[in-house]
């Protein structure tokens, strides 16, 4: 990865991360401002906040395996921002659900969350991501010490809940949600010590050729 590392420096990767993460929100706000949403605007907004949340969350999970396989250290700082943007989109997604869909009627919201399994796992993912977002600073990392790493490994549980939310939400063609599930499972497998060791060995043999 030497050529890629020279082209995509840490600062360039961070700029691309910020631009790429904010672009869906900008396009959504522009379409809302220009009255260019679909015939079902609430559904449109729900989908267009949920999908970026899933993409950004999966990308954040992919950073460590990419570094393990390709020794691409420049990408590591982007992991924090990908996770924070994912949490931001999940939060907006949830606010759309409770505000636009249910008008902040807490009785209806309670019933929806605990009666609809896709809503329950989505809410659980938000509950997991929130403390991770709060403790993403270096200050919290120092305060928590070794517990910080264990806490932030919960992001994989949030990833699994996110794809499960997607699978249960889609009622007909589940091929895309299942594809995302497969990707998350692969990223989880890459963290298994034996698999991680094999990936590092593969990278070492590749660089020697």
N, C-alpha and C. Protein backbone atom coordinates (compact mmCIF):
# COMPACT_ATOMS: atom_id res chain seq x y z
N UNK A 1 0.80 -1.23 0.00
CA UNK A 1 0.00 0.00 0.00
C UNK A 1 0.83 1.28 0.00
N UNK A 2 2.14 1.25 -0.35
CA UNK A 2 2.92 2.48 -0.26
C UNK A 2 2.41 3.59 -1.14
N UNK A 3 2.00 3.26 -2.39
CA UNK A 3 1.51 4.30 -3.30
C UNK A 3 0.22 4.91 -2.77
N UNK A 4 -0.70 4.03 -2.31
CA UNK A 4 -1.97 4.51 -1.78
C UNK A 4 -1.76 5.36 -0.54
N UNK A 5 -0.79 4.96 0.29
CA UNK A 5 -0.50 5.71 1.51
C UNK A 5 0.01 7.10 1.19
N UNK A 6 0.79 7.22 0.09
CA UNK A 6 1.29 8.55 -0.30
C UNK A 6 0.18 9.41 -0.88
N UNK A 7 -0.73 8.78 -1.63
CA UNK A 7 -1.83 9.54 -2.24
C UNK A 7 -2.88 9.94 -1.20
N UNK A 8 -3.22 8.97 -0.34
CA UNK A 8 -4.25 9.21 0.68
C UNK A 8 -3.58 9.36 2.03
N UNK A 9 -3.09 10.55 2.30
CA UNK A 9 -2.49 10.83 3.59
C UNK A 9 -3.58 10.90 4.66
N UNK A 10 -3.15 10.97 5.91
CA UNK A 10 -4.12 11.01 7.01
C UNK A 10 -5.07 12.20 6.87
N UNK A 11 -4.52 13.37 6.56
CA UNK A 11 -5.37 14.56 6.43
C UNK A 11 -6.34 14.45 5.27
N UNK A 12 -5.88 13.90 4.14
CA UNK A 12 -6.77 13.73 3.00
C UNK A 12 -7.88 12.74 3.30
N UNK A 13 -7.54 11.68 3.99
CA UNK A 13 -8.56 10.69 4.36
C UNK A 13 -9.60 11.32 5.28
N UNK A 14 -9.15 12.14 6.23
CA UNK A 14 -10.08 12.79 7.14
C UNK A 14 -10.99 13.77 6.39
N UNK A 15 -10.42 14.51 5.44
CA UNK A 15 -11.25 15.42 4.64
C UNK A 15 -12.29 14.64 3.84
N UNK A 16 -11.87 13.55 3.23
CA UNK A 16 -12.80 12.71 2.46
C UNK A 16 -13.88 12.13 3.37
N UNK A 17 -13.48 11.77 4.58
CA UNK A 17 -14.44 11.23 5.55
C UNK A 17 -15.51 12.26 5.89
N UNK A 18 -15.09 13.47 6.20
CA UNK A 18 -16.05 14.53 6.55
C UNK A 18 -16.97 14.86 5.38
N UNK A 19 -16.38 15.01 4.21
CA UNK A 19 -17.18 15.37 3.02
C UNK A 19 -18.16 14.24 2.69
N UNK A 20 -17.65 13.02 2.65
CA UNK A 20 -18.50 11.88 2.30
C UNK A 20 -19.61 11.65 3.31
N UNK A 21 -19.32 11.88 4.60
CA UNK A 21 -20.32 11.66 5.64
C UNK A 21 -21.40 12.74 5.62
N UNK A 22 -21.02 13.97 5.32
CA UNK A 22 -21.99 15.08 5.34
C UNK A 22 -22.78 15.21 4.04
N UNK A 23 -22.27 14.63 2.95
CA UNK A 23 -22.93 14.78 1.66
C UNK A 23 -24.37 14.27 1.65
N UNK A 24 -24.66 13.06 2.21
CA UNK A 24 -26.07 12.61 2.21
C UNK A 24 -27.00 13.57 2.97
N UNK A 25 -26.49 14.14 4.06
CA UNK A 25 -27.32 15.09 4.82
C UNK A 25 -27.56 16.35 4.02
N UNK A 26 -26.52 16.83 3.34
CA UNK A 26 -26.67 18.03 2.50
C UNK A 26 -27.69 17.78 1.39
N UNK A 27 -27.60 16.64 0.72
CA UNK A 27 -28.53 16.32 -0.37
C UNK A 27 -29.95 16.18 0.14
N UNK A 28 -30.09 15.60 1.33
CA UNK A 28 -31.43 15.46 1.93
C UNK A 28 -32.02 16.83 2.25
N UNK A 29 -31.23 17.70 2.86
CA UNK A 29 -31.71 19.04 3.20
C UNK A 29 -32.03 19.84 1.94
N UNK A 30 -31.20 19.66 0.92
CA UNK A 30 -31.45 20.37 -0.35
C UNK A 30 -32.77 19.90 -0.98
N UNK A 31 -32.99 18.59 -1.00
CA UNK A 31 -34.23 18.07 -1.57
C UNK A 31 -35.44 18.51 -0.75
N UNK A 32 -35.27 18.61 0.57
CA UNK A 32 -36.36 19.10 1.41
C UNK A 32 -36.64 20.58 1.12
N UNK A 33 -35.57 21.36 1.00
CA UNK A 33 -35.72 22.81 0.74
C UNK A 33 -36.35 23.06 -0.62
N UNK A 34 -35.99 22.25 -1.60
CA UNK A 34 -36.50 22.44 -2.97
C UNK A 34 -37.78 21.63 -3.22
N UNK A 35 -38.33 21.04 -2.17
CA UNK A 35 -39.55 20.24 -2.28
C UNK A 35 -39.40 19.13 -3.31
N UNK A 36 -38.28 18.41 -3.18
CA UNK A 36 -37.96 17.37 -4.16
C UNK A 36 -37.89 15.99 -3.51
N UNK A 37 -38.57 15.83 -2.37
CA UNK A 37 -38.63 14.52 -1.75
C UNK A 37 -39.68 13.67 -2.47
N UNK A 38 -39.75 12.40 -2.11
CA UNK A 38 -40.70 11.49 -2.76
C UNK A 38 -42.13 11.80 -2.31
N UNK A 39 -43.08 11.06 -2.84
CA UNK A 39 -44.49 11.27 -2.48
C UNK A 39 -44.74 10.92 -1.02
N UNK A 40 -43.84 10.15 -0.42
CA UNK A 40 -43.91 9.82 1.01
C UNK A 40 -42.66 10.40 1.68
N UNK A 41 -42.69 11.71 2.00
CA UNK A 41 -41.47 12.38 2.49
C UNK A 41 -40.93 11.81 3.79
N UNK A 42 -41.82 11.39 4.71
CA UNK A 42 -41.34 10.85 5.98
C UNK A 42 -40.56 9.55 5.76
N UNK A 43 -41.11 8.70 4.91
CA UNK A 43 -40.42 7.45 4.57
C UNK A 43 -39.09 7.74 3.88
N UNK A 44 -39.09 8.74 3.00
CA UNK A 44 -37.88 9.13 2.30
C UNK A 44 -36.81 9.60 3.28
N UNK A 45 -37.18 10.48 4.20
CA UNK A 45 -36.23 10.99 5.20
C UNK A 45 -35.74 9.86 6.10
N UNK A 46 -36.64 8.97 6.48
CA UNK A 46 -36.26 7.84 7.33
C UNK A 46 -35.20 6.98 6.65
N UNK A 47 -35.44 6.65 5.38
CA UNK A 47 -34.49 5.82 4.65
C UNK A 47 -33.16 6.55 4.43
N UNK A 48 -33.23 7.82 4.13
CA UNK A 48 -32.03 8.58 3.77
C UNK A 48 -31.22 9.03 4.98
N UNK A 49 -31.70 8.74 6.18
CA UNK A 49 -30.88 8.90 7.38
C UNK A 49 -30.41 7.54 7.90
N UNK A 50 -31.23 6.52 7.67
CA UNK A 50 -30.86 5.18 8.13
C UNK A 50 -29.76 4.54 7.31
N UNK A 51 -29.84 4.69 5.98
CA UNK A 51 -28.85 4.05 5.11
C UNK A 51 -27.45 4.62 5.32
N UNK A 52 -27.27 5.95 5.35
CA UNK A 52 -25.92 6.47 5.64
C UNK A 52 -25.40 6.02 7.00
N UNK A 53 -26.30 5.90 7.99
CA UNK A 53 -25.88 5.43 9.32
C UNK A 53 -25.27 4.04 9.22
N UNK A 54 -25.92 3.16 8.48
CA UNK A 54 -25.41 1.79 8.33
C UNK A 54 -24.09 1.77 7.56
N UNK A 55 -24.03 2.53 6.47
CA UNK A 55 -22.80 2.56 5.65
C UNK A 55 -21.63 3.07 6.47
N UNK A 56 -21.82 4.16 7.20
CA UNK A 56 -20.74 4.74 7.99
C UNK A 56 -20.33 3.82 9.14
N UNK A 57 -21.31 3.15 9.73
CA UNK A 57 -20.99 2.23 10.82
C UNK A 57 -20.16 1.06 10.31
N UNK A 58 -20.54 0.50 9.18
CA UNK A 58 -19.79 -0.61 8.60
C UNK A 58 -18.40 -0.17 8.18
N UNK A 59 -18.28 1.03 7.63
CA UNK A 59 -16.96 1.56 7.27
C UNK A 59 -16.08 1.72 8.49
N UNK A 60 -16.67 2.14 9.61
CA UNK A 60 -15.88 2.27 10.84
C UNK A 60 -15.39 0.90 11.31
N UNK A 61 -16.22 -0.12 11.13
CA UNK A 61 -15.82 -1.48 11.50
C UNK A 61 -14.73 -2.02 10.58
N UNK A 62 -14.68 -1.50 9.36
CA UNK A 62 -13.73 -2.00 8.36
C UNK A 62 -12.33 -1.41 8.54
N UNK A 63 -12.19 -0.36 9.32
CA UNK A 63 -10.90 0.32 9.44
C UNK A 63 -9.83 -0.61 10.02
N UNK A 64 -10.13 -1.28 11.13
CA UNK A 64 -9.14 -2.16 11.75
C UNK A 64 -8.72 -3.30 10.84
N UNK A 65 -9.65 -4.03 10.21
CA UNK A 65 -9.21 -5.08 9.27
C UNK A 65 -8.38 -4.54 8.11
N UNK A 66 -8.70 -3.35 7.59
CA UNK A 66 -7.92 -2.77 6.51
C UNK A 66 -6.50 -2.47 6.97
N UNK A 67 -6.39 -1.98 8.20
CA UNK A 67 -5.06 -1.72 8.75
C UNK A 67 -4.30 -3.02 8.99
N UNK A 68 -5.03 -4.05 9.45
CA UNK A 68 -4.39 -5.34 9.70
C UNK A 68 -3.88 -5.97 8.40
N UNK A 69 -4.70 -5.94 7.37
CA UNK A 69 -4.35 -6.60 6.11
C UNK A 69 -3.31 -5.82 5.33
N UNK A 70 -3.48 -4.50 5.25
CA UNK A 70 -2.63 -3.69 4.37
C UNK A 70 -1.65 -2.78 5.11
N UNK A 71 -1.64 -2.84 6.44
CA UNK A 71 -0.78 -1.94 7.23
C UNK A 71 -1.04 -0.48 6.84
N UNK A 72 -2.31 -0.15 6.65
CA UNK A 72 -2.72 1.18 6.20
C UNK A 72 -3.04 2.03 7.42
N UNK A 73 -2.00 2.51 8.09
CA UNK A 73 -2.17 3.22 9.36
C UNK A 73 -2.84 4.59 9.18
N UNK A 74 -2.69 5.15 8.00
CA UNK A 74 -3.25 6.48 7.75
C UNK A 74 -4.77 6.50 7.88
N UNK A 75 -5.41 5.34 7.74
CA UNK A 75 -6.87 5.30 7.79
C UNK A 75 -7.41 5.21 9.21
N UNK A 76 -6.55 4.86 10.17
CA UNK A 76 -7.02 4.62 11.54
C UNK A 76 -7.71 5.84 12.17
N UNK A 77 -7.18 7.07 12.03
CA UNK A 77 -7.87 8.22 12.64
C UNK A 77 -9.29 8.44 12.12
N UNK A 78 -9.59 7.94 10.92
CA UNK A 78 -10.94 8.12 10.36
C UNK A 78 -11.98 7.29 11.10
N UNK A 79 -11.53 6.24 11.81
CA UNK A 79 -12.47 5.34 12.48
C UNK A 79 -13.35 6.09 13.49
N UNK A 80 -12.72 6.98 14.25
CA UNK A 80 -13.48 7.76 15.25
C UNK A 80 -14.57 8.58 14.58
N UNK A 81 -14.20 9.29 13.50
CA UNK A 81 -15.17 10.17 12.84
C UNK A 81 -16.27 9.39 12.13
N UNK A 82 -15.91 8.27 11.54
CA UNK A 82 -16.93 7.42 10.91
C UNK A 82 -17.95 6.96 11.95
N UNK A 83 -17.45 6.58 13.12
CA UNK A 83 -18.35 6.17 14.20
C UNK A 83 -19.22 7.30 14.70
N UNK A 84 -18.64 8.49 14.85
CA UNK A 84 -19.42 9.64 15.32
C UNK A 84 -20.49 10.05 14.32
N UNK A 85 -20.13 10.06 13.04
CA UNK A 85 -21.13 10.39 12.02
C UNK A 85 -22.23 9.33 11.97
N UNK A 86 -21.84 8.06 12.12
CA UNK A 86 -22.84 6.99 12.16
C UNK A 86 -23.82 7.22 13.30
N UNK A 87 -23.29 7.55 14.48
CA UNK A 87 -24.15 7.84 15.64
C UNK A 87 -25.05 9.04 15.36
N UNK A 88 -24.51 10.06 14.69
CA UNK A 88 -25.32 11.23 14.36
C UNK A 88 -26.48 10.88 13.46
N UNK A 89 -26.22 10.09 12.43
CA UNK A 89 -27.30 9.69 11.53
C UNK A 89 -28.31 8.78 12.23
N UNK A 90 -27.82 7.88 13.08
CA UNK A 90 -28.75 7.02 13.84
C UNK A 90 -29.64 7.88 14.73
N UNK A 91 -29.06 8.89 15.36
CA UNK A 91 -29.84 9.77 16.24
C UNK A 91 -30.91 10.52 15.47
N UNK A 92 -30.53 11.07 14.29
CA UNK A 92 -31.52 11.76 13.46
C UNK A 92 -32.58 10.78 12.97
N UNK A 93 -32.15 9.60 12.59
CA UNK A 93 -33.07 8.54 12.14
C UNK A 93 -34.10 8.24 13.23
N UNK A 94 -33.64 8.15 14.47
CA UNK A 94 -34.55 7.87 15.59
C UNK A 94 -35.47 9.05 15.86
N UNK A 95 -34.93 10.27 15.75
CA UNK A 95 -35.77 11.46 15.96
C UNK A 95 -36.86 11.56 14.90
N UNK A 96 -36.53 11.18 13.68
CA UNK A 96 -37.55 11.16 12.62
C UNK A 96 -38.64 10.15 12.98
N UNK A 97 -38.22 9.01 13.50
CA UNK A 97 -39.16 7.94 13.87
C UNK A 97 -40.12 8.40 14.98
N UNK A 98 -39.56 9.00 16.04
CA UNK A 98 -40.42 9.38 17.16
C UNK A 98 -41.12 10.72 16.94
N UNK A 99 -40.52 11.58 16.10
CA UNK A 99 -41.10 12.91 15.89
C UNK A 99 -42.04 12.98 14.71
N UNK A 100 -41.55 12.60 13.53
CA UNK A 100 -42.39 12.71 12.34
C UNK A 100 -43.38 11.56 12.23
N UNK A 101 -42.94 10.36 12.58
CA UNK A 101 -43.83 9.20 12.48
C UNK A 101 -44.87 9.17 13.60
N UNK A 102 -44.44 9.48 14.83
CA UNK A 102 -45.33 9.31 15.99
C UNK A 102 -45.60 10.60 16.76
N UNK A 103 -45.14 11.73 16.23
CA UNK A 103 -45.49 13.02 16.81
C UNK A 103 -45.15 13.16 18.28
N UNK A 104 -44.06 12.49 18.72
CA UNK A 104 -43.62 12.52 20.12
C UNK A 104 -44.72 12.07 21.09
N UNK A 105 -45.58 11.19 20.61
CA UNK A 105 -46.60 10.58 21.48
C UNK A 105 -45.94 9.38 22.15
N UNK A 106 -45.54 9.55 23.43
CA UNK A 106 -44.71 8.54 24.09
C UNK A 106 -45.42 7.22 24.30
N UNK A 107 -46.73 7.26 24.40
CA UNK A 107 -47.48 6.01 24.50
C UNK A 107 -47.37 5.20 23.22
N UNK A 108 -47.57 5.87 22.09
CA UNK A 108 -47.45 5.20 20.80
C UNK A 108 -46.01 4.77 20.53
N UNK A 109 -45.06 5.62 20.93
CA UNK A 109 -43.64 5.30 20.71
C UNK A 109 -43.24 4.06 21.50
N UNK A 110 -43.67 4.01 22.76
CA UNK A 110 -43.36 2.84 23.60
C UNK A 110 -43.91 1.57 22.98
N UNK A 111 -45.14 1.65 22.51
CA UNK A 111 -45.75 0.48 21.88
C UNK A 111 -45.02 0.08 20.62
N UNK A 112 -44.61 1.07 19.81
CA UNK A 112 -43.92 0.77 18.55
C UNK A 112 -42.57 0.14 18.80
N UNK A 113 -41.82 0.69 19.76
CA UNK A 113 -40.47 0.19 20.02
C UNK A 113 -40.50 -1.24 20.54
N UNK A 114 -41.45 -1.53 21.42
CA UNK A 114 -41.45 -2.85 22.06
C UNK A 114 -42.36 -3.86 21.38
N UNK A 115 -43.11 -3.43 20.37
CA UNK A 115 -43.93 -4.38 19.63
C UNK A 115 -43.33 -4.70 18.26
N UNK A 116 -42.57 -3.76 17.69
CA UNK A 116 -41.95 -3.98 16.39
C UNK A 116 -40.48 -4.33 16.61
N UNK A 117 -40.12 -5.54 16.23
CA UNK A 117 -38.76 -6.01 16.54
C UNK A 117 -37.69 -5.20 15.84
N UNK A 118 -37.95 -4.70 14.64
CA UNK A 118 -36.94 -3.89 13.95
C UNK A 118 -36.70 -2.59 14.70
N UNK A 119 -37.75 -2.02 15.29
CA UNK A 119 -37.61 -0.78 16.06
C UNK A 119 -36.83 -1.04 17.35
N UNK A 120 -37.07 -2.19 17.97
CA UNK A 120 -36.40 -2.52 19.23
C UNK A 120 -34.89 -2.67 19.03
N UNK A 121 -34.49 -3.41 17.98
CA UNK A 121 -33.04 -3.61 17.77
C UNK A 121 -32.38 -2.30 17.30
N UNK A 122 -33.12 -1.49 16.55
CA UNK A 122 -32.58 -0.20 16.15
C UNK A 122 -32.35 0.70 17.35
N UNK A 123 -33.31 0.70 18.28
CA UNK A 123 -33.17 1.50 19.50
C UNK A 123 -32.02 0.98 20.34
N UNK A 124 -31.85 -0.35 20.39
CA UNK A 124 -30.74 -0.95 21.13
C UNK A 124 -29.40 -0.52 20.54
N UNK A 125 -29.32 -0.45 19.21
CA UNK A 125 -28.09 0.00 18.56
C UNK A 125 -27.77 1.44 18.95
N UNK A 126 -28.80 2.30 19.00
CA UNK A 126 -28.60 3.69 19.41
C UNK A 126 -28.11 3.76 20.85
N UNK A 127 -28.68 2.94 21.73
CA UNK A 127 -28.26 2.93 23.13
C UNK A 127 -26.80 2.51 23.27
N UNK A 128 -26.34 1.61 22.41
CA UNK A 128 -24.94 1.19 22.46
C UNK A 128 -24.02 2.28 21.91
N UNK A 129 -24.42 2.90 20.81
CA UNK A 129 -23.56 3.88 20.15
C UNK A 129 -23.43 5.18 20.95
N UNK A 130 -24.45 5.52 21.74
CA UNK A 130 -24.42 6.80 22.45
C UNK A 130 -23.26 6.90 23.44
N UNK A 131 -23.06 5.93 24.36
CA UNK A 131 -21.89 6.04 25.25
C UNK A 131 -20.56 5.95 24.50
N UNK A 132 -20.54 5.25 23.37
CA UNK A 132 -19.30 5.20 22.59
C UNK A 132 -18.99 6.58 22.00
N UNK A 133 -20.02 7.28 21.54
CA UNK A 133 -19.81 8.63 21.02
C UNK A 133 -19.36 9.58 22.12
N UNK A 134 -19.97 9.47 23.29
CA UNK A 134 -19.62 10.35 24.41
C UNK A 134 -18.19 10.14 24.85
N UNK A 135 -17.74 8.88 24.86
CA UNK A 135 -16.39 8.55 25.36
C UNK A 135 -15.36 8.44 24.24
N UNK A 136 -15.61 9.08 23.11
CA UNK A 136 -14.69 8.97 21.97
C UNK A 136 -13.48 9.89 22.07
N UNK A 137 -13.46 10.77 23.07
CA UNK A 137 -12.37 11.73 23.19
C UNK A 137 -11.16 11.10 23.89
N UNK A 138 -10.02 11.73 23.70
CA UNK A 138 -8.79 11.23 24.35
C UNK A 138 -8.88 11.33 25.86
N UNK A 139 -9.61 12.35 26.33
CA UNK A 139 -9.79 12.50 27.77
C UNK A 139 -10.49 11.30 28.38
N UNK A 140 -11.57 10.85 27.75
CA UNK A 140 -12.27 9.66 28.24
C UNK A 140 -11.42 8.41 28.08
N UNK A 141 -10.61 8.36 27.03
CA UNK A 141 -9.73 7.22 26.84
C UNK A 141 -8.74 7.11 28.00
N UNK A 142 -8.21 8.25 28.43
CA UNK A 142 -7.29 8.24 29.59
C UNK A 142 -8.02 7.86 30.86
N UNK A 143 -9.24 8.38 31.06
CA UNK A 143 -9.98 8.09 32.28
C UNK A 143 -10.34 6.61 32.40
N UNK A 144 -10.75 6.02 31.30
CA UNK A 144 -11.23 4.63 31.33
C UNK A 144 -10.10 3.62 31.22
N UNK A 145 -8.96 4.02 30.69
CA UNK A 145 -7.83 3.11 30.58
C UNK A 145 -8.15 1.89 29.73
N UNK A 146 -7.85 0.70 30.28
CA UNK A 146 -8.09 -0.53 29.53
C UNK A 146 -9.58 -0.77 29.28
N UNK A 147 -10.42 -0.22 30.14
CA UNK A 147 -11.87 -0.41 29.98
C UNK A 147 -12.39 0.28 28.72
N UNK A 148 -11.66 1.32 28.26
CA UNK A 148 -12.10 2.06 27.08
C UNK A 148 -12.14 1.15 25.86
N UNK A 149 -11.10 0.35 25.68
CA UNK A 149 -11.06 -0.54 24.52
C UNK A 149 -12.16 -1.58 24.59
N UNK A 150 -12.39 -2.14 25.78
CA UNK A 150 -13.46 -3.14 25.93
C UNK A 150 -14.82 -2.51 25.65
N UNK A 151 -15.01 -1.28 26.13
CA UNK A 151 -16.28 -0.59 25.89
C UNK A 151 -16.50 -0.38 24.39
N UNK A 152 -15.47 0.07 23.71
CA UNK A 152 -15.62 0.41 22.29
C UNK A 152 -15.67 -0.81 21.38
N UNK A 153 -15.37 -1.98 21.91
CA UNK A 153 -15.59 -3.20 21.14
C UNK A 153 -17.08 -3.50 20.98
N UNK A 154 -17.91 -2.81 21.78
CA UNK A 154 -19.36 -2.96 21.67
C UNK A 154 -19.89 -2.44 20.33
N UNK A 155 -19.05 -1.71 19.59
CA UNK A 155 -19.49 -1.20 18.29
C UNK A 155 -19.85 -2.35 17.36
N UNK A 156 -19.23 -3.51 17.55
CA UNK A 156 -19.56 -4.66 16.71
C UNK A 156 -20.97 -5.17 17.02
N UNK A 157 -21.37 -5.09 18.29
CA UNK A 157 -22.75 -5.44 18.64
C UNK A 157 -23.72 -4.47 17.98
N UNK A 158 -23.35 -3.18 17.97
CA UNK A 158 -24.20 -2.18 17.31
C UNK A 158 -24.30 -2.46 15.81
N UNK A 159 -23.18 -2.89 15.21
CA UNK A 159 -23.20 -3.24 13.79
C UNK A 159 -24.13 -4.40 13.50
N UNK A 160 -24.08 -5.43 14.32
CA UNK A 160 -24.97 -6.58 14.14
C UNK A 160 -26.43 -6.18 14.32
N UNK A 161 -26.70 -5.35 15.32
CA UNK A 161 -28.07 -4.87 15.53
C UNK A 161 -28.54 -4.01 14.36
N UNK A 162 -27.61 -3.23 13.80
CA UNK A 162 -27.96 -2.38 12.67
C UNK A 162 -28.38 -3.18 11.45
N UNK A 163 -27.62 -4.23 11.13
CA UNK A 163 -27.99 -5.04 9.95
C UNK A 163 -29.25 -5.86 10.24
N UNK A 164 -29.42 -6.27 11.51
CA UNK A 164 -30.64 -7.00 11.87
C UNK A 164 -31.86 -6.08 11.75
N UNK A 165 -31.69 -4.84 12.15
CA UNK A 165 -32.75 -3.84 11.98
C UNK A 165 -33.14 -3.71 10.51
N UNK A 166 -32.15 -3.70 9.64
CA UNK A 166 -32.37 -3.57 8.20
C UNK A 166 -33.07 -4.80 7.64
N UNK A 167 -32.62 -5.99 8.07
CA UNK A 167 -33.22 -7.24 7.59
C UNK A 167 -34.69 -7.31 7.99
N UNK A 168 -34.99 -6.99 9.24
CA UNK A 168 -36.37 -7.09 9.72
C UNK A 168 -37.26 -5.97 9.18
N UNK A 169 -36.64 -4.85 8.81
CA UNK A 169 -37.42 -3.73 8.28
C UNK A 169 -37.91 -4.01 6.86
N UNK A 170 -37.04 -4.63 6.07
CA UNK A 170 -37.39 -4.91 4.67
C UNK A 170 -38.34 -6.10 4.62
N UNK A 171 -39.44 -5.93 3.92
CA UNK A 171 -40.48 -6.97 3.93
C UNK A 171 -40.46 -7.84 2.68
N UNK A 172 -39.76 -7.45 1.65
CA UNK A 172 -39.81 -8.23 0.41
C UNK A 172 -38.41 -8.71 0.01
N UNK A 173 -37.67 -7.88 -0.69
CA UNK A 173 -36.35 -8.26 -1.19
C UNK A 173 -35.29 -8.01 -0.12
N UNK A 174 -34.84 -9.08 0.51
CA UNK A 174 -33.88 -8.94 1.61
C UNK A 174 -32.44 -9.18 1.16
N UNK A 175 -32.19 -9.21 -0.14
CA UNK A 175 -30.84 -9.51 -0.61
C UNK A 175 -29.83 -8.46 -0.16
N UNK A 176 -30.19 -7.19 -0.26
CA UNK A 176 -29.23 -6.16 0.15
C UNK A 176 -28.98 -6.20 1.66
N UNK A 177 -30.03 -6.27 2.51
CA UNK A 177 -29.77 -6.38 3.95
C UNK A 177 -28.92 -7.60 4.30
N UNK A 178 -29.15 -8.73 3.63
CA UNK A 178 -28.35 -9.92 3.90
C UNK A 178 -26.91 -9.74 3.45
N UNK A 179 -26.71 -8.99 2.37
CA UNK A 179 -25.35 -8.70 1.92
C UNK A 179 -24.60 -7.87 2.96
N UNK A 180 -25.29 -6.87 3.54
CA UNK A 180 -24.68 -6.08 4.60
C UNK A 180 -24.38 -6.95 5.82
N UNK A 181 -25.28 -7.87 6.13
CA UNK A 181 -25.06 -8.78 7.25
C UNK A 181 -23.81 -9.62 7.02
N UNK A 182 -23.64 -10.11 5.81
CA UNK A 182 -22.47 -10.92 5.46
C UNK A 182 -21.18 -10.11 5.64
N UNK A 183 -21.20 -8.85 5.22
CA UNK A 183 -20.02 -7.98 5.36
C UNK A 183 -19.67 -7.79 6.83
N UNK A 184 -20.67 -7.52 7.66
CA UNK A 184 -20.41 -7.32 9.09
C UNK A 184 -19.87 -8.59 9.73
N UNK A 185 -20.40 -9.74 9.34
CA UNK A 185 -19.90 -11.00 9.87
C UNK A 185 -18.45 -11.24 9.46
N UNK A 186 -18.10 -10.87 8.23
CA UNK A 186 -16.70 -10.98 7.78
C UNK A 186 -15.79 -10.08 8.62
N UNK A 187 -16.25 -8.87 8.88
CA UNK A 187 -15.45 -7.94 9.68
C UNK A 187 -15.30 -8.44 11.11
N UNK A 188 -16.35 -9.06 11.63
CA UNK A 188 -16.25 -9.66 12.96
C UNK A 188 -15.27 -10.82 12.96
N UNK A 189 -15.32 -11.64 11.92
CA UNK A 189 -14.42 -12.79 11.82
C UNK A 189 -12.97 -12.33 11.77
N UNK A 190 -12.72 -11.16 11.16
CA UNK A 190 -11.35 -10.65 11.05
C UNK A 190 -10.75 -10.29 12.40
N UNK A 191 -11.58 -10.17 13.43
CA UNK A 191 -11.09 -9.85 14.77
C UNK A 191 -10.78 -11.10 15.59
N UNK A 192 -11.17 -12.26 15.11
CA UNK A 192 -10.83 -13.50 15.81
C UNK A 192 -9.31 -13.66 15.79
N UNK A 193 -8.67 -13.87 16.94
CA UNK A 193 -7.20 -13.90 16.99
C UNK A 193 -6.55 -14.79 15.94
N UNK A 194 -7.08 -15.98 15.73
CA UNK A 194 -6.47 -16.88 14.75
C UNK A 194 -6.60 -16.32 13.33
N UNK A 195 -7.76 -15.74 13.03
CA UNK A 195 -7.96 -15.15 11.70
C UNK A 195 -7.07 -13.92 11.55
N UNK A 196 -7.01 -13.10 12.58
CA UNK A 196 -6.16 -11.90 12.54
C UNK A 196 -4.71 -12.26 12.30
N UNK A 197 -4.25 -13.31 13.00
CA UNK A 197 -2.87 -13.77 12.83
C UNK A 197 -2.62 -14.25 11.39
N UNK A 198 -3.60 -14.96 10.83
CA UNK A 198 -3.47 -15.45 9.45
C UNK A 198 -3.42 -14.28 8.47
N UNK A 199 -4.21 -13.24 8.72
CA UNK A 199 -4.21 -12.06 7.84
C UNK A 199 -2.87 -11.32 7.89
N UNK A 200 -2.32 -11.20 9.10
CA UNK A 200 -1.01 -10.55 9.25
C UNK A 200 0.06 -11.38 8.54
N UNK A 201 -0.02 -12.71 8.67
CA UNK A 201 0.94 -13.58 7.98
C UNK A 201 0.83 -13.46 6.47
N UNK A 202 -0.40 -13.38 5.98
CA UNK A 202 -0.62 -13.20 4.54
C UNK A 202 -0.04 -11.88 4.06
N UNK A 203 -0.22 -10.82 4.86
CA UNK A 203 0.34 -9.51 4.49
C UNK A 203 1.86 -9.56 4.47
N UNK A 204 2.45 -10.24 5.45
CA UNK A 204 3.91 -10.34 5.52
C UNK A 204 4.46 -11.07 4.30
N UNK A 205 3.84 -12.18 3.93
CA UNK A 205 4.31 -12.95 2.77
C UNK A 205 4.16 -12.14 1.49
N UNK A 206 3.09 -11.35 1.43
CA UNK A 206 2.82 -10.55 0.23
C UNK A 206 3.88 -9.46 0.06
N UNK A 207 4.26 -8.83 1.16
CA UNK A 207 5.23 -7.74 1.09
C UNK A 207 6.63 -8.24 0.79
N UNK A 208 6.90 -9.50 1.06
CA UNK A 208 8.23 -10.06 0.79
C UNK A 208 8.42 -10.42 -0.67
N UNK A 209 7.31 -10.56 -1.41
CA UNK A 209 7.41 -10.96 -2.81
C UNK A 209 7.90 -9.81 -3.68
